[in-house]
Amino acid sequence: MIKYRLSDDPIDEDESEEFKDPEVRKNTRCTIFLGYTSNMASCGMREYIKYLCKFKMVQAIVTTTGGIEEDIMKCMKPMFIGDFNLDGKDLRERGLNRIGNLIIPNESYELLESWFLPLVKSCHKEQREKGTIFTPSMLISKIGEKINHEDSIYYWCWKNDIKVYCPAFTDGALGDVIYFNTWKESGFIVDLV
């Protein structure tokens, strides 16, 4: 998929005129979408995903909100290896959260929220002043720009103009920040369509 060009294939009899041009055929390649869930960004697979983005080996990503927020949190504070069998209630009472066998302190979520809130306010201000309606992809690009951290998947997506689609962007801690901010300042629109 990475090496393929339309010029690798013979020209079909019914090919449209545009795709008979050798230069067009040489420059027509596969569009590679990479889809993954949040646990892939939490675990060691994150480095592979980042590599693919850093070296422009994918053109688009489809992920969950957790896949975004866990990448951001890993840039802010380390996660710890625990065990799949740790008692969630006991961890919670100690201010810890478990994702599989990873342990994330509450402080990581607090840092995420305090980091993301100014971005939400800035986008809301732009929406009021310029009429910009943000999509999840637009917000994720802004996240990548703001994180400015080479360990981040979304930094490389922003830097290399890789589109990121997150159909349920508001279903997670990032969505909570947007939702709770509307109590103080209503009207921010994230167009999921």
Protein backbone atom coordinates (compact mmCIF):
# COMPACT_ATOMS: atom_id res chain seq x y z
CA MET A 1 0.00 0.00 0.00
CA ILE A 2 2.84 2.39 0.77
CA LYS A 3 4.72 1.67 -2.46
CA TYR A 4 1.73 1.23 -4.78
CA ARG A 5 1.09 3.74 -7.58
CA LEU A 6 -1.65 3.52 -10.19
CA SER A 7 1.16 3.41 -12.76
CA ASP A 8 1.90 -0.12 -11.45
CA ASP A 9 -1.28 -1.29 -13.20
CA PRO A 10 -1.91 -1.47 -16.94
CA ILE A 11 -4.37 1.08 -18.34
CA ASP A 12 -7.85 -0.41 -18.66
CA GLU A 13 -9.79 0.12 -21.88
CA ASP A 14 -12.56 1.95 -20.03
CA GLU A 15 -10.16 4.12 -17.97
CA SER A 16 -11.19 7.78 -17.73
CA GLU A 17 -9.02 10.21 -19.68
CA GLU A 18 -7.62 11.76 -16.50
CA PHE A 19 -6.12 8.44 -15.38
CA LYS A 20 -4.54 7.68 -18.78
CA ASP A 21 -2.01 10.46 -18.19
CA PRO A 22 1.29 8.80 -17.09
CA GLU A 23 2.10 11.63 -14.65
CA VAL A 24 -1.32 11.37 -12.97
CA ARG A 25 -0.95 7.58 -12.75
CA LYS A 26 2.52 7.91 -11.21
CA ASN A 27 1.16 10.29 -8.53
CA THR A 28 -2.03 8.36 -7.73
CA ARG A 29 -1.51 6.18 -4.70
CA CYS A 30 -3.46 4.46 -1.93
CA THR A 31 -5.02 6.51 0.81
CA ILE A 32 -4.15 4.63 3.99
CA PHE A 33 -6.52 4.90 6.96
CA LEU A 34 -5.38 3.61 10.34
CA GLY A 35 -8.04 2.82 12.91
CA TYR A 36 -7.41 2.06 16.56
CA THR A 37 -9.01 2.21 19.99
CA SER A 38 -7.79 3.99 23.11
CA ASN A 39 -6.05 0.94 24.58
CA MET A 40 -3.69 0.97 21.58
CA ALA A 41 -2.57 4.52 22.44
CA SER A 42 -2.22 3.60 26.12
CA CYS A 43 -0.01 0.60 25.60
CA GLY A 44 3.26 0.10 23.77
CA MET A 45 1.54 0.29 20.38
CA ARG A 46 1.53 4.08 20.71
CA GLU A 47 5.15 4.25 19.58
CA TYR A 48 4.34 2.29 16.41
CA ILE A 49 1.40 4.57 15.63
CA LYS A 50 3.57 7.64 16.23
CA TYR A 51 6.23 6.21 13.91
CA LEU A 52 3.68 5.72 11.13
CA CYS A 53 2.54 9.33 11.55
CA LYS A 54 6.02 10.80 11.89
CA PHE A 55 7.14 9.18 8.64
CA LYS A 56 3.87 9.92 6.79
CA MET A 57 2.99 6.28 6.27
CA VAL A 58 -0.73 6.91 6.84
CA GLN A 59 -2.95 9.67 5.50
CA ALA A 60 -5.82 9.43 7.98
CA ILE A 61 -6.57 8.09 11.45
CA VAL A 62 -9.88 7.03 12.95
CA THR A 63 -9.78 6.69 16.74
CA THR A 64 -11.66 7.09 20.00
CA THR A 65 -11.48 10.01 22.40
CA GLY A 66 -9.44 7.88 24.79
CA GLY A 67 -6.89 7.37 22.03
CA ILE A 68 -6.38 11.13 21.97
CA GLU A 69 -6.50 11.98 25.67
CA GLU A 70 -4.24 9.11 26.72
CA ASP A 71 -1.64 10.22 24.17
CA ILE A 72 -1.78 13.74 25.61
CA MET A 73 -1.56 12.50 29.21
CA LYS A 74 1.51 10.38 28.39
CA CYS A 75 3.24 13.57 27.20
CA MET A 76 2.48 15.26 30.52
CA LYS A 77 3.13 12.58 33.10
CA PRO A 78 4.17 8.93 33.04
CA MET A 79 1.79 6.03 33.45
CA PHE A 80 2.83 3.03 35.49
CA ILE A 81 2.69 -0.69 34.84
CA GLY A 82 0.42 -2.48 37.24
CA ASP A 83 -1.59 -5.66 36.86
CA PHE A 84 -4.85 -6.58 35.13
CA ASN A 85 -6.14 -8.06 38.40
CA LEU A 86 -5.73 -5.02 40.65
CA ASP A 87 -8.89 -4.04 42.50
CA GLY A 88 -10.41 -1.00 40.75
CA LYS A 89 -12.26 0.18 43.87
CA ASP A 90 -9.09 0.05 45.96
CA LEU A 91 -7.13 1.93 43.29
CA ARG A 92 -9.86 4.57 42.98
CA GLU A 93 -9.80 5.20 46.73
CA ARG A 94 -6.07 5.89 46.38
CA GLY A 95 -6.55 8.32 43.49
CA LEU A 96 -5.44 5.87 40.84
CA ASN A 97 -7.12 4.61 37.67
CA ARG A 98 -6.49 1.38 35.78
CA ILE A 99 -6.45 0.93 32.02
CA GLY A 100 -5.78 -2.76 31.53
CA ASN A 101 -2.53 -3.20 33.41
CA LEU A 102 -1.58 0.51 33.34
CA ILE A 103 -2.03 2.77 36.35
CA ILE A 104 -2.83 6.45 35.82
CA PRO A 105 -2.91 8.86 38.76
CA ASN A 106 -5.90 11.24 39.01
CA GLU A 107 -3.38 14.05 38.61
CA SER A 108 -2.93 13.06 34.96
CA TYR A 109 -6.62 13.70 34.26
CA GLU A 110 -6.44 16.99 36.18
CA LEU A 111 -3.45 18.06 34.07
CA LEU A 112 -5.29 17.07 30.89
CA GLU A 113 -8.34 19.11 31.85
CA SER A 114 -6.36 22.20 32.87
CA TRP A 115 -4.33 21.97 29.65
CA PHE A 116 -7.36 21.49 27.35
CA LEU A 117 -9.67 24.12 28.89
CA PRO A 118 -7.73 27.15 27.55
CA LEU A 119 -7.83 25.59 24.08
CA VAL A 120 -11.61 25.17 24.33
CA LYS A 121 -11.98 28.79 25.47
CA SER A 122 -9.77 30.01 22.62
CA CYS A 123 -11.78 28.04 20.05
CA HIS A 124 -15.05 29.28 21.57
CA LYS A 125 -13.79 32.86 21.28
CA GLU A 126 -12.87 32.26 17.63
CA GLN A 127 -16.32 30.80 17.06
CA ARG A 128 -18.01 33.89 18.48
CA GLU A 129 -15.75 36.35 16.63
CA LYS A 130 -15.31 34.63 13.26
CA GLY A 131 -18.18 32.15 13.13
CA THR A 132 -15.86 29.13 12.93
CA ILE A 133 -17.71 25.91 13.63
CA PHE A 134 -15.18 23.35 14.83
CA THR A 135 -15.26 19.69 13.92
CA PRO A 136 -13.50 17.07 16.04
CA SER A 137 -10.81 16.87 13.33
CA MET A 138 -10.17 20.62 13.60
CA LEU A 139 -9.92 20.44 17.40
CA ILE A 140 -7.59 17.43 17.24
CA SER A 141 -5.32 19.33 14.85
CA LYS A 142 -5.23 22.22 17.33
CA ILE A 143 -4.43 19.73 20.10
CA GLY A 144 -1.48 18.43 18.07
CA GLU A 145 -0.22 21.94 17.48
CA LYS A 146 -0.61 22.96 21.11
CA ILE A 147 0.96 19.82 22.61
CA ASN A 148 4.11 20.51 20.56
CA HIS A 149 5.68 17.29 21.85
CA GLU A 150 7.47 14.86 19.54
CA ASP A 151 6.29 11.87 21.61
CA SER A 152 2.68 12.68 20.67
CA ILE A 153 0.84 10.90 17.87
CA TYR A 154 -1.28 14.02 17.32
CA TYR A 155 1.71 16.34 17.17
CA TRP A 156 2.91 14.37 14.14
CA CYS A 157 -0.59 14.32 12.68
CA TRP A 158 -0.72 18.11 12.92
CA LYS A 159 2.82 18.56 11.63
CA ASN A 160 2.30 16.19 8.66
CA ASP A 161 -1.31 17.20 7.91
CA ILE A 162 -2.69 13.74 8.67
CA LYS A 163 -6.44 13.94 9.17
CA VAL A 164 -7.79 12.47 12.41
CA TYR A 165 -11.42 11.44 12.69
CA CYS A 166 -13.01 10.80 16.06
CA PRO A 167 -16.77 10.27 15.66
CA ALA A 168 -17.42 10.25 19.44
CA PHE A 169 -15.05 13.08 20.36
CA THR A 170 -17.19 14.26 23.27
CA ASP A 171 -17.35 10.78 24.84
CA GLY A 172 -14.46 11.09 27.28
CA ALA A 173 -12.53 13.51 29.47
CA LEU A 174 -12.15 15.98 26.57
CA GLY A 175 -15.91 16.00 26.12
CA ASP A 176 -16.33 16.56 29.85
CA VAL A 177 -14.15 19.68 29.64
CA ILE A 178 -16.28 21.02 26.79
CA TYR A 179 -19.54 20.14 28.56
CA PHE A 180 -18.64 21.60 31.95
CA ASN A 181 -17.28 24.74 30.31
CA THR A 182 -20.72 25.34 28.77
CA TRP A 183 -22.12 25.83 32.27
CA LYS A 184 -20.03 28.99 32.50
CA GLU A 185 -20.04 29.99 28.85
CA SER A 186 -22.74 28.41 26.70
CA GLY A 187 -22.87 28.12 22.95
CA PHE A 188 -19.67 26.33 21.95
CA ILE A 189 -20.45 24.04 19.02
CA VAL A 190 -18.47 20.98 18.04
CA ASP A 191 -20.07 19.76 14.82
CA LEU A 192 -19.75 15.98 14.86
CA VAL A 193 -21.11 15.70 11.30
